[in-house]
């Protein structure tokens, strides 16, 4: 939800709350340097903000500096407060897990209602151009999102949370979680996002390797169910297999965008063209990169159909490296803690979730949507704050985190 119009920055309700929280809880924003992953990540956050600011100032479009930096910083206000809440309340992490699961279930239900009642059942007055494909007689259901690819990534990101099944869980709860996981896989197929579905399959395969035989059997069941439903054309599932007929043309189109994006990076290797300046740069230097809409207007590309290239073009090599470290360090830290037996295998669901997004991010820049950005941040936070197998006091936790 926007709280200001586009000409006043287009701030969302989330940005507004982040600014208020940063002002009210300013003491909580201060961190003490120590030998911990959160201290390292805090330095990386500051580095990213500095790089982003410099990239804008040194670019040929040095406008909206404060607006862009506030929007960039809002997610880090959230992550800082999340970690502080985990250190002060031992039950906060489990409550947050329930809340995120509820959000995913809501998105799932909304998408199935959309399948039942049609695309008129939606949150946005207009949907992305790729939602309806008349040539293949298919619909790509966006659910609570504007774009179906974002819907697929959100569902894939949240799916693995329902595989975090504990021995203490009641039998009916285990069955419910597993059924929900299968439904989310089907919903990802309904969204028609090949990248999200591919990331989900790869991450699920890797996840099952490190789990029990029971999990491998469950994985096989999920794969069989999804494949059978897609082959039989159950309901109005997107004809993803049919879309592969245009795979070469789709690849060639994306390749042309990637090639031109790489040519931009060769001119701006280290600092990029400036945070949020991709579309402005295209309009000025590569005006042929546009889509003609049904009403005859032109929509210039604001991304090169590749999330990593978008960051590389706008923030340069320094910015991309910093972003990859912000995602990679929580994963490496979790793998290390799991390898030495400090934490149990439950952390694998969060690693698998991030892997699904890392694969899908290769085809579309999706973190423009706060819901996906928050989901990614929460999965990383769940890894960082994952409880040790040994009982620890709040004081120990506060030092560690």
Protein backbone atom coordinates (compact mmCIF):
# COMPACT_ATOMS: atom_id res chain seq x y z
CA UNK A 1 0.00 0.00 0.00
CA UNK A 2 1.36 3.40 -1.00
CA UNK A 3 1.25 6.22 1.54
CA UNK A 4 2.66 8.84 -0.82
CA UNK A 5 2.11 9.28 -4.59
CA UNK A 6 4.86 8.41 -7.06
CA UNK A 7 5.99 12.03 -7.49
CA UNK A 8 6.61 12.18 -3.72
CA UNK A 9 8.71 9.03 -3.69
CA UNK A 10 6.01 6.37 -3.78
CA UNK A 11 6.70 5.32 -0.20
CA UNK A 12 4.87 2.20 0.93
CA UNK A 13 3.27 1.60 4.29
CA UNK A 14 6.24 -0.62 5.09
CA UNK A 15 8.68 2.26 4.55
CA UNK A 16 6.58 4.44 6.83
CA UNK A 17 6.66 1.90 9.66
CA UNK A 18 10.39 1.32 9.17
CA UNK A 19 11.16 5.05 9.52
CA UNK A 20 8.96 5.33 12.62
CA UNK A 21 10.59 2.28 14.20
CA UNK A 22 14.08 3.58 13.41
CA UNK A 23 13.24 6.86 15.17
CA UNK A 24 11.46 5.35 18.16
CA UNK A 25 13.88 2.46 18.71
CA UNK A 26 17.03 4.26 17.64
CA UNK A 27 19.02 2.78 20.53
CA UNK A 28 18.26 -0.71 19.23
CA UNK A 29 19.81 0.24 15.89
CA UNK A 30 23.22 0.66 17.51
CA UNK A 31 25.35 -2.46 17.47
CA UNK A 32 28.51 -3.30 19.39
CA UNK A 33 31.31 -4.74 17.32
CA UNK A 34 32.19 -8.32 18.19
CA UNK A 35 33.23 -11.58 16.60
CA UNK A 36 29.79 -12.69 15.52
CA UNK A 37 27.93 -13.10 12.26
CA UNK A 38 25.53 -10.27 13.05
CA UNK A 39 28.38 -7.83 13.56
CA UNK A 40 29.83 -8.87 10.21
CA UNK A 41 26.46 -8.51 8.52
CA UNK A 42 25.97 -5.09 10.11
CA UNK A 43 29.24 -3.92 8.55
CA UNK A 44 28.09 -5.29 5.20
CA UNK A 45 24.79 -3.41 5.51
CA UNK A 46 26.62 -0.13 6.18
CA UNK A 47 28.94 -0.89 3.26
CA UNK A 48 26.00 -1.52 0.93
CA UNK A 49 24.29 1.73 1.92
CA UNK A 50 27.51 3.69 1.37
CA UNK A 51 28.09 2.03 -2.02
CA UNK A 52 24.49 2.73 -3.03
CA UNK A 53 24.77 6.38 -2.02
CA UNK A 54 28.02 6.86 -3.90
CA UNK A 55 26.65 5.09 -6.98
CA UNK A 56 23.80 7.61 -7.13
CA UNK A 57 25.97 10.67 -6.46
CA UNK A 58 28.54 9.67 -9.10
CA UNK A 59 25.94 8.70 -11.71
CA UNK A 60 24.44 10.83 -14.49
CA UNK A 61 21.08 10.65 -12.68
CA UNK A 62 21.95 11.92 -9.17
CA UNK A 63 18.38 12.48 -8.05
CA UNK A 64 16.14 11.09 -5.30
CA UNK A 65 19.16 10.14 -3.19
CA UNK A 66 17.37 10.26 0.19
CA UNK A 67 14.26 8.51 -1.11
CA UNK A 68 16.25 5.61 -2.56
CA UNK A 69 18.42 5.20 0.53
CA UNK A 70 15.40 5.24 2.85
CA UNK A 71 13.73 2.50 0.78
CA UNK A 72 16.94 0.48 0.79
CA UNK A 73 17.44 0.88 4.54
CA UNK A 74 13.91 -0.08 5.59
CA UNK A 75 14.52 -3.83 5.28
CA UNK A 76 17.59 -3.56 7.50
CA UNK A 77 15.60 -1.77 10.19
CA UNK A 78 13.30 -4.78 10.15
CA UNK A 79 16.14 -7.32 10.34
CA UNK A 80 17.82 -5.51 13.24
CA UNK A 81 14.62 -5.36 15.29
CA UNK A 82 13.82 -9.00 14.46
CA UNK A 83 17.16 -10.16 15.87
CA UNK A 84 16.75 -7.99 18.98
CA UNK A 85 13.31 -9.47 19.58
CA UNK A 86 14.74 -13.00 19.29
CA UNK A 87 17.37 -12.23 21.94
CA UNK A 88 14.84 -10.72 24.35
CA UNK A 89 12.00 -13.21 23.89
CA UNK A 90 12.82 -16.94 23.46
CA UNK A 91 9.35 -17.58 21.99
CA UNK A 92 9.50 -14.81 19.39
CA UNK A 93 11.14 -16.95 16.71
CA UNK A 94 8.48 -19.67 16.90
CA UNK A 95 5.71 -17.04 16.85
CA UNK A 96 7.30 -15.47 13.76
CA UNK A 97 7.42 -18.88 12.07
CA UNK A 98 3.68 -19.34 12.67
CA UNK A 99 2.99 -15.85 11.31
CA UNK A 100 4.96 -16.47 8.11
CA UNK A 101 3.24 -19.81 7.58
CA UNK A 102 -0.11 -18.07 7.96
CA UNK A 103 0.90 -15.50 5.33
CA UNK A 104 1.83 -18.27 2.89
CA UNK A 105 -1.46 -20.10 3.53
CA UNK A 106 -3.36 -16.86 2.87
CA UNK A 107 -1.52 -16.40 -0.45
CA UNK A 108 -2.25 -20.03 -1.30
CA UNK A 109 -5.98 -19.74 -0.56
CA UNK A 110 -6.24 -16.48 -2.49
CA UNK A 111 -4.67 -18.08 -5.56
CA UNK A 112 -7.06 -21.05 -5.46
CA UNK A 113 -10.02 -18.68 -5.11
CA UNK A 114 -8.64 -16.90 -8.17
CA UNK A 115 -8.60 -20.19 -10.07
CA UNK A 116 -12.21 -20.86 -9.06
CA UNK A 117 -13.64 -17.38 -9.73
CA UNK A 118 -11.34 -16.09 -12.46
CA UNK A 119 -8.82 -13.27 -12.72
CA UNK A 120 -11.46 -10.70 -11.77
CA UNK A 121 -10.80 -11.91 -8.22
CA UNK A 122 -7.60 -9.90 -7.62
CA UNK A 123 -6.02 -7.16 -5.55
CA UNK A 124 -4.83 -4.96 -8.42
CA UNK A 125 -6.91 -3.09 -10.96
CA UNK A 126 -4.38 -4.05 -13.66
CA UNK A 127 -2.22 -7.15 -13.90
CA UNK A 128 1.09 -7.77 -15.64
CA UNK A 129 1.03 -8.28 -19.39
CA UNK A 130 2.22 -11.88 -19.12
CA UNK A 131 -0.71 -12.96 -16.94
CA UNK A 132 -2.81 -13.99 -19.94
CA UNK A 133 -1.29 -15.83 -22.89
CA UNK A 134 -3.92 -16.05 -25.68
CA UNK A 135 -1.56 -17.92 -28.01
CA UNK A 136 -1.31 -20.88 -25.65
CA UNK A 137 -4.81 -20.42 -24.19
CA UNK A 138 -3.48 -20.25 -20.65
CA UNK A 139 -3.63 -18.13 -17.54
CA UNK A 140 -0.76 -17.53 -15.15
CA UNK A 141 -2.40 -16.83 -11.82
CA UNK A 142 -0.72 -13.99 -9.88
CA UNK A 143 -2.65 -14.52 -6.63
CA UNK A 144 -2.07 -11.62 -4.26
CA UNK A 145 0.61 -10.19 -6.56
CA UNK A 146 0.61 -8.01 -9.65
CA UNK A 147 2.91 -10.38 -11.51
CA UNK A 148 2.62 -14.17 -11.68
CA UNK A 149 6.39 -14.69 -11.48
CA UNK A 150 6.43 -12.88 -8.13
CA UNK A 151 3.59 -15.11 -6.94
CA UNK A 152 5.51 -18.24 -7.91
CA UNK A 153 8.66 -17.08 -6.13
CA UNK A 154 6.79 -16.13 -2.96
CA UNK A 155 5.06 -19.51 -2.78
CA UNK A 156 8.26 -21.42 -3.51
CA UNK A 157 10.09 -19.42 -0.83
CA UNK A 158 7.48 -20.29 1.77
CA UNK A 159 6.87 -23.89 0.78
CA UNK A 160 9.74 -25.45 2.73
CA UNK A 161 8.50 -23.98 6.00
CA UNK A 162 5.87 -26.71 5.94
CA UNK A 163 8.55 -29.40 5.80
CA UNK A 164 9.89 -28.28 9.18
CA UNK A 165 8.00 -31.07 10.94
CA UNK A 166 9.04 -31.99 14.47
CA UNK A 167 8.63 -35.29 16.32
CA UNK A 168 6.63 -33.43 18.96
CA UNK A 169 4.06 -32.32 16.37
CA UNK A 170 0.75 -34.12 16.48
CA UNK A 171 0.03 -36.62 13.72
CA UNK A 172 -2.75 -34.53 12.16
CA UNK A 173 -0.45 -31.48 12.17
CA UNK A 174 2.22 -33.44 10.27
CA UNK A 175 -0.33 -34.55 7.68
CA UNK A 176 -1.68 -31.01 7.36
CA UNK A 177 1.80 -29.56 6.79
CA UNK A 178 2.61 -32.16 4.15
CA UNK A 179 -0.69 -31.59 2.31
CA UNK A 180 -0.09 -27.85 2.39
CA UNK A 181 3.36 -28.38 0.90
CA UNK A 182 1.89 -30.36 -2.00
CA UNK A 183 -0.77 -27.67 -2.55
CA UNK A 184 1.90 -24.97 -2.61
CA UNK A 185 3.83 -26.92 -5.25
CA UNK A 186 0.66 -27.10 -7.34
CA UNK A 187 0.03 -23.38 -6.77
CA UNK A 188 3.57 -22.60 -7.96
CA UNK A 189 2.71 -24.48 -11.14
CA UNK A 190 -0.51 -22.49 -11.42
CA UNK A 191 1.50 -19.28 -11.20
CA UNK A 192 3.29 -20.39 -14.34
CA UNK A 193 6.73 -19.38 -13.10
CA UNK A 194 9.18 -21.83 -14.64
CA UNK A 195 12.12 -20.36 -12.76
CA UNK A 196 10.38 -20.66 -9.38
CA UNK A 197 9.25 -24.21 -10.15
CA UNK A 198 12.75 -25.15 -11.33
CA UNK A 199 14.28 -23.67 -8.18
CA UNK A 200 11.75 -25.55 -6.06
CA UNK A 201 12.55 -28.89 -7.72
CA UNK A 202 16.33 -28.43 -7.43
CA UNK A 203 16.16 -27.27 -3.81
CA UNK A 204 13.79 -30.12 -2.92
CA UNK A 205 16.18 -32.64 -4.47
CA UNK A 206 19.13 -31.25 -2.51
CA UNK A 207 17.04 -31.10 0.65
CA UNK A 208 15.99 -34.75 0.38
CA UNK A 209 19.62 -35.89 0.04
CA UNK A 210 20.39 -34.74 3.58
CA UNK A 211 17.16 -35.99 5.12
CA UNK A 212 15.74 -39.38 6.04
CA UNK A 213 14.36 -42.10 3.75
CA UNK A 214 10.87 -41.01 4.76
CA UNK A 215 11.58 -37.53 3.40
CA UNK A 216 12.89 -38.98 0.14
CA UNK A 217 9.71 -41.00 -0.27
CA UNK A 218 7.62 -37.89 0.46
CA UNK A 219 9.66 -35.98 -2.13
CA UNK A 220 8.96 -38.65 -4.73
CA UNK A 221 5.23 -38.50 -3.91
CA UNK A 222 5.20 -34.71 -4.38
CA UNK A 223 7.02 -35.01 -7.71
CA UNK A 224 4.64 -37.69 -8.99
CA UNK A 225 1.54 -35.74 -7.95
CA UNK A 226 2.70 -32.48 -9.55
CA UNK A 227 3.83 -34.17 -12.79
CA UNK A 228 0.61 -36.18 -13.12
CA UNK A 229 -1.53 -33.09 -12.57
CA UNK A 230 0.43 -31.10 -15.14
CA UNK A 231 0.29 -33.86 -17.76
CA UNK A 232 -3.43 -34.47 -17.34
CA UNK A 233 -4.23 -30.75 -17.55
CA UNK A 234 -6.00 -30.80 -14.18
CA UNK A 235 -8.30 -27.79 -13.81
CA UNK A 236 -6.70 -24.89 -15.69
CA UNK A 237 -3.09 -25.52 -14.74
CA UNK A 238 -0.70 -23.45 -16.89
CA UNK A 239 0.66 -25.41 -19.83
CA UNK A 240 4.26 -24.98 -18.81
CA UNK A 241 5.31 -27.91 -20.94
CA UNK A 242 3.69 -26.26 -23.95
CA UNK A 243 5.46 -22.99 -23.19
CA UNK A 244 8.77 -24.79 -23.64
CA UNK A 245 8.06 -24.82 -27.39
CA UNK A 246 8.94 -21.12 -27.36
CA UNK A 247 11.92 -21.66 -25.09
CA UNK A 248 14.53 -20.85 -27.74
CA UNK A 249 12.81 -17.60 -28.76
CA UNK A 250 12.40 -16.68 -25.09
CA UNK A 251 16.07 -17.40 -24.46
CA UNK A 252 17.20 -15.36 -27.44
CA UNK A 253 15.13 -12.40 -26.26
CA UNK A 254 16.55 -12.59 -22.75
CA UNK A 255 20.05 -13.11 -24.12
CA UNK A 256 19.82 -9.82 -26.06
CA UNK A 257 18.89 -8.01 -22.84
CA UNK A 258 21.69 -9.71 -20.92
CA UNK A 259 24.23 -8.84 -23.61
CA UNK A 260 23.33 -5.16 -23.52
CA UNK A 261 23.33 -5.19 -19.71
CA UNK A 262 26.84 -6.63 -19.73
CA UNK A 263 27.92 -3.90 -22.15
CA UNK A 264 26.68 -1.33 -19.62
CA UNK A 265 28.68 -2.93 -16.81
CA UNK A 266 31.84 -2.77 -18.92
CA UNK A 267 31.52 1.02 -18.85
CA UNK A 268 30.62 1.18 -15.14
CA UNK A 269 32.46 -1.75 -13.59
CA UNK A 270 32.94 -0.78 -9.97
CA UNK A 271 30.12 1.57 -8.90
CA UNK A 272 27.49 0.96 -11.58
CA UNK A 273 25.05 3.48 -13.04
CA UNK A 274 23.39 4.26 -9.71
CA UNK A 275 20.78 2.60 -7.52
CA UNK A 276 17.35 2.67 -9.17
CA UNK A 277 18.65 4.26 -12.38
CA UNK A 278 18.25 1.33 -14.79
CA UNK A 279 15.11 2.56 -16.51
CA UNK A 280 16.40 6.14 -16.77
CA UNK A 281 19.58 4.82 -18.39
CA UNK A 282 17.61 2.69 -20.86
CA UNK A 283 15.39 5.59 -21.89
CA UNK A 284 18.43 7.76 -22.60
CA UNK A 285 20.94 5.29 -24.07
CA UNK A 286 19.01 2.19 -25.21
CA UNK A 287 15.54 3.46 -26.13
CA UNK A 288 14.78 0.35 -28.21
CA UNK A 289 14.30 -1.68 -25.03
CA UNK A 290 10.58 -1.27 -24.54
CA UNK A 291 7.28 -3.14 -24.72
CA UNK A 292 4.28 -1.72 -26.52
CA UNK A 293 1.17 -2.03 -24.34
CA UNK A 294 -2.38 -2.62 -25.51
CA UNK A 295 -3.26 1.07 -25.16
CA UNK A 296 -0.38 2.02 -27.49
CA UNK A 297 1.90 3.35 -24.75
CA UNK A 298 5.49 2.22 -24.26
CA UNK A 299 6.92 0.51 -21.18
CA UNK A 300 10.70 0.81 -20.96
CA UNK A 301 12.55 -2.01 -19.24
CA UNK A 302 13.57 -1.37 -15.66
CA UNK A 303 15.53 -4.65 -15.41
CA UNK A 304 17.42 -6.96 -17.80
CA UNK A 305 15.32 -10.04 -16.88
CA UNK A 306 18.08 -11.12 -14.51
CA UNK A 307 18.26 -10.07 -10.88
CA UNK A 308 22.03 -10.42 -10.57
CA UNK A 309 22.67 -8.38 -13.70
CA UNK A 310 20.29 -5.67 -12.49
CA UNK A 311 22.29 -5.27 -9.27
CA UNK A 312 25.59 -5.46 -11.14
CA UNK A 313 24.52 -2.75 -13.59
CA UNK A 314 23.19 -0.40 -10.89
CA UNK A 315 25.71 -0.97 -8.07
CA UNK A 316 28.73 -2.36 -9.87
CA UNK A 317 30.98 -5.22 -8.78
CA UNK A 318 31.33 -3.86 -5.22
CA UNK A 319 27.58 -3.69 -4.73
CA UNK A 320 26.86 -7.14 -6.16
CA UNK A 321 29.62 -8.72 -4.05
CA UNK A 322 28.21 -7.10 -0.90
CA UNK A 323 24.67 -8.30 -1.69
CA UNK A 324 25.87 -11.86 -2.31
CA UNK A 325 27.75 -11.85 0.99
CA UNK A 326 24.62 -10.68 2.83
CA UNK A 327 22.83 -13.78 1.53
CA UNK A 328 25.76 -16.17 1.47
CA UNK A 329 27.13 -15.65 4.99
CA UNK A 330 23.96 -16.82 6.82
CA UNK A 331 23.92 -19.93 4.59
CA UNK A 332 27.61 -20.72 5.16
CA UNK A 333 27.27 -20.07 8.90
CA UNK A 334 24.25 -22.41 9.10
CA UNK A 335 26.00 -25.15 7.12
CA UNK A 336 29.01 -24.88 9.43
CA UNK A 337 26.90 -25.00 12.60
CA UNK A 338 24.97 -27.98 11.23
CA UNK A 339 28.19 -29.81 10.23
CA UNK A 340 29.68 -29.52 13.74
CA UNK A 341 26.41 -30.64 15.33
CA UNK A 342 25.54 -27.34 17.00
CA UNK A 343 22.10 -27.17 15.34
CA UNK A 344 19.73 -29.81 13.97
CA UNK A 345 18.62 -30.51 10.40
CA UNK A 346 15.60 -28.20 10.71
CA UNK A 347 17.80 -25.37 9.45
CA UNK A 348 17.90 -27.08 6.04
CA UNK A 349 14.36 -25.88 5.23
CA UNK A 350 15.54 -22.26 5.36
CA UNK A 351 18.63 -23.00 3.28
CA UNK A 352 16.46 -24.80 0.71
CA UNK A 353 14.06 -21.86 0.60
CA UNK A 354 16.85 -19.43 -0.20
CA UNK A 355 18.20 -21.79 -2.88
CA UNK A 356 14.81 -21.74 -4.66
CA UNK A 357 14.97 -17.95 -4.80
CA UNK A 358 18.65 -17.79 -5.81
CA UNK A 359 17.83 -19.94 -8.84
CA UNK A 360 14.65 -18.04 -9.75
CA UNK A 361 16.40 -14.68 -9.28
CA UNK A 362 18.52 -15.56 -12.30
CA UNK A 363 15.54 -14.84 -14.59
CA UNK A 364 13.75 -11.95 -12.91
CA UNK A 365 14.54 -9.17 -10.44
CA UNK A 366 11.90 -9.91 -7.81
CA UNK A 367 12.98 -8.01 -4.69
CA UNK A 368 11.25 -4.86 -5.89
CA UNK A 369 8.24 -6.39 -4.13
CA UNK A 370 8.55 -5.96 -0.36
CA UNK A 371 6.68 -9.20 0.34
CA UNK A 372 9.36 -11.23 -1.40
CA UNK A 373 12.15 -9.12 0.08
CA UNK A 374 10.76 -9.62 3.60
CA UNK A 375 10.36 -13.37 3.01
CA UNK A 376 14.01 -13.63 1.92
CA UNK A 377 15.15 -11.59 4.91
CA UNK A 378 13.09 -13.71 7.31
CA UNK A 379 14.52 -16.96 5.93
CA UNK A 380 18.02 -15.58 6.50
CA UNK A 381 17.02 -14.39 9.98
CA UNK A 382 15.63 -17.83 10.82
CA UNK A 383 19.06 -19.23 9.95
CA UNK A 384 20.97 -16.62 11.96
CA UNK A 385 18.80 -17.06 15.06
CA UNK A 386 18.41 -20.84 14.77
CA UNK A 387 18.57 -22.23 18.33
CA UNK A 388 21.48 -24.37 19.39
CA UNK A 389 21.01 -27.97 20.48
CA UNK A 390 22.31 -26.87 23.86
CA UNK A 391 20.22 -24.73 26.18
CA UNK A 392 21.35 -21.13 26.29
CA UNK A 393 20.25 -18.22 28.42
CA UNK A 394 19.00 -14.92 27.04
CA UNK A 395 22.27 -13.35 28.12
CA UNK A 396 24.26 -15.84 26.05
CA UNK A 397 21.99 -15.27 23.08
CA UNK A 398 22.34 -11.50 23.27
CA UNK A 399 26.13 -11.82 23.16
CA UNK A 400 26.04 -14.31 20.30
CA UNK A 401 23.52 -12.43 18.17
